[in-house]
Protein backbone atom coordinates (compact mmCIF):
# COMPACT_ATOMS: atom_id res chain seq x y z
CA UNK A 1 0.05 0.28 0.02
CA UNK A 2 2.89 2.41 0.56
CA UNK A 3 4.23 2.44 -2.30
CA UNK A 4 1.32 2.46 -4.58
CA UNK A 5 1.04 5.97 -2.85
CA UNK A 6 4.68 6.43 -3.39
CA UNK A 7 3.89 5.97 -6.55
CA UNK A 8 0.54 8.10 -6.87
CA UNK A 9 2.64 11.24 -5.92
CA UNK A 10 5.17 10.20 -7.46
CA UNK A 11 3.61 9.95 -11.14
CA UNK A 12 1.89 13.79 -9.55
CA UNK A 13 4.91 16.17 -9.53
CA UNK A 14 6.80 14.02 -12.38
CA UNK A 15 3.23 15.66 -14.43
CA UNK A 16 3.23 19.07 -12.48
CA UNK A 17 6.05 19.60 -13.81
CA UNK A 18 7.35 21.62 -16.26
CA UNK A 19 9.85 24.23 -17.68
CA UNK A 20 9.22 28.28 -16.67
CA UNK A 21 6.26 28.60 -19.17
CA UNK A 22 7.55 32.59 -19.19
CA UNK A 23 10.32 32.09 -21.27
CA UNK A 24 9.41 29.22 -23.38
CA UNK A 25 7.44 30.19 -26.18
CA UNK A 26 5.44 29.10 -29.06
CA UNK A 27 5.21 30.99 -32.00
CA UNK A 28 4.47 30.55 -35.49
CA UNK A 29 6.22 32.73 -36.67
CA UNK A 30 10.14 32.96 -34.73
CA UNK A 31 11.99 29.67 -35.61
CA UNK A 32 13.92 28.51 -32.07
CA UNK A 33 17.63 28.82 -32.42
CA UNK A 34 20.52 28.00 -29.15
CA UNK A 35 20.84 31.08 -27.18
CA UNK A 36 23.94 30.42 -24.64
CA UNK A 37 25.60 33.94 -24.34
CA UNK A 38 28.02 35.68 -21.77
CA UNK A 39 27.66 39.01 -21.09
CA UNK A 40 30.79 40.84 -19.13
CA UNK A 41 28.40 44.29 -18.02
CA UNK A 42 31.81 45.75 -17.59
CA UNK A 43 32.76 46.11 -21.47
CA UNK A 44 32.18 49.67 -22.55
CA UNK A 45 29.64 48.39 -25.15
CA UNK A 46 27.44 46.60 -22.49
CA UNK A 47 27.90 49.68 -19.74
CA UNK A 48 24.65 50.48 -19.90
CA UNK A 49 23.05 47.08 -17.34
CA UNK A 50 24.98 48.39 -14.96
CA UNK A 51 21.91 50.88 -14.07
CA UNK A 52 18.27 49.87 -14.55
CA UNK A 53 16.15 50.76 -16.85
CA UNK A 54 18.86 50.94 -20.01
CA UNK A 55 18.87 48.46 -22.32
CA UNK A 56 20.99 47.32 -24.56
CA UNK A 57 20.90 45.73 -28.08
CA UNK A 58 23.37 42.92 -28.18
CA UNK A 59 24.34 41.78 -32.18
CA UNK A 60 26.35 39.18 -31.60
CA UNK A 61 27.06 35.58 -33.10
CA UNK A 62 24.31 33.34 -31.62
CA UNK A 63 22.70 36.36 -29.94
CA UNK A 64 18.68 35.06 -30.83
CA UNK A 65 16.98 35.36 -34.58
CA UNK A 66 17.84 39.02 -35.09
CA UNK A 67 19.70 40.57 -31.68
CA UNK A 68 18.73 40.24 -28.22
CA UNK A 69 18.18 43.04 -26.28
CA UNK A 70 18.47 42.65 -22.36
CA UNK A 71 17.55 45.35 -20.00
CA UNK A 72 18.88 45.29 -15.28
CA UNK A 73 14.75 45.84 -14.14
CA UNK A 74 15.80 45.71 -10.52
CA UNK A 75 18.71 45.10 -8.30
CA UNK A 76 20.78 41.94 -9.83
CA UNK A 77 17.11 41.44 -11.77
CA UNK A 78 17.53 41.60 -16.04
CA UNK A 79 15.18 40.19 -18.92
CA UNK A 80 16.15 39.11 -22.54
CA UNK A 81 14.31 39.36 -25.38
CA UNK A 82 14.64 38.19 -29.13
CA UNK A 83 15.04 41.45 -31.05
CA UNK A 84 13.02 39.83 -33.63
CA UNK A 85 9.02 40.88 -34.65
CA UNK A 86 6.48 38.00 -32.02
CA UNK A 87 3.17 38.70 -35.00
CA UNK A 88 5.98 39.15 -37.99
CA UNK A 89 7.40 36.35 -40.18
CA UNK A 90 10.50 37.64 -40.74
CA UNK A 91 11.49 40.30 -43.12
CA UNK A 92 13.46 43.80 -43.78
CA UNK A 93 11.28 45.35 -41.64
CA UNK A 94 10.91 42.69 -38.16
CA UNK A 95 14.47 43.36 -36.39
CA UNK A 96 12.28 45.57 -33.33
CA UNK A 97 14.25 49.13 -32.89
CA UNK A 98 14.37 50.61 -28.76
CA UNK A 99 12.85 53.76 -27.40
CA UNK A 100 13.74 53.73 -23.80
CA UNK A 101 12.14 51.08 -21.84
CA UNK A 102 10.21 49.91 -24.98
CA UNK A 103 10.72 47.71 -28.18
CA UNK A 104 9.80 49.19 -31.19
CA UNK A 105 8.22 47.04 -34.36
CA UNK A 106 8.61 48.82 -37.39
CA UNK A 107 5.93 46.37 -39.18
CA UNK A 108 3.70 47.83 -36.90
CA UNK A 109 4.45 50.26 -35.10
CA UNK A 110 3.26 48.19 -32.12
CA UNK A 111 5.39 48.62 -28.36
CA UNK A 112 6.39 45.63 -26.14
CA UNK A 113 7.27 46.68 -22.57
CA UNK A 114 10.60 45.10 -21.74
CA UNK A 115 9.83 45.09 -18.19
CA UNK A 116 7.22 41.87 -19.75
CA UNK A 117 7.46 41.69 -23.63
CA UNK A 118 3.64 42.53 -23.73
CA UNK A 119 2.19 44.60 -25.53
CA UNK A 120 -1.29 46.28 -25.75
CA UNK A 121 -3.10 43.91 -28.81
CA UNK A 122 -0.46 41.94 -30.18
CA UNK A 123 -0.56 37.27 -30.28
CA UNK A 124 2.41 37.09 -29.23
CA UNK A 125 4.60 38.81 -27.14
CA UNK A 126 8.40 38.80 -27.09
CA UNK A 127 10.37 35.88 -27.42
CA UNK A 128 11.81 36.14 -24.05
CA UNK A 129 15.71 34.24 -22.70
CA UNK A 130 16.24 32.91 -19.12
CA UNK A 131 18.75 35.26 -17.46
CA UNK A 132 21.19 35.19 -14.58
CA UNK A 133 23.92 37.31 -13.65
CA UNK A 134 27.68 36.14 -11.23
CA UNK A 135 30.20 38.10 -10.79
CA UNK A 136 29.67 41.54 -13.72
CA UNK A 137 28.73 38.86 -16.72
CA UNK A 138 24.97 38.29 -17.80
CA UNK A 139 24.57 35.27 -18.76
CA UNK A 140 21.52 34.26 -21.52
CA UNK A 141 20.52 31.41 -22.88
CA UNK A 142 17.34 29.37 -23.54
């Protein structure tokens, strides 16, 4: 009987475990590329990442589909989103630009919050990546 209850509880725990759904976007417009970047925030190009609400566009090899927009949102807290417009097929106009604490899609002029990745009236949010910060290095990965 103990084994039966152990099996039931184990099965329930196994089924309830999943990845963080906030960073697992199933968007038909955007392909899934592997991302694993280490960004040194002491370098001049990334120094703005040491200050809250100063987004930085990262366009280096392995930086997602159209580059990555990263931003510090609080002490030790960061967000990182792909710069590809989430509600458009990939095209000449589908790389977002930074406007303050928002990212703007030139295709449809929708503004996405760099705190949440959401835009009013948009079907899909920005493609979000996981982040960790340790010793001045911002790790961005999926």
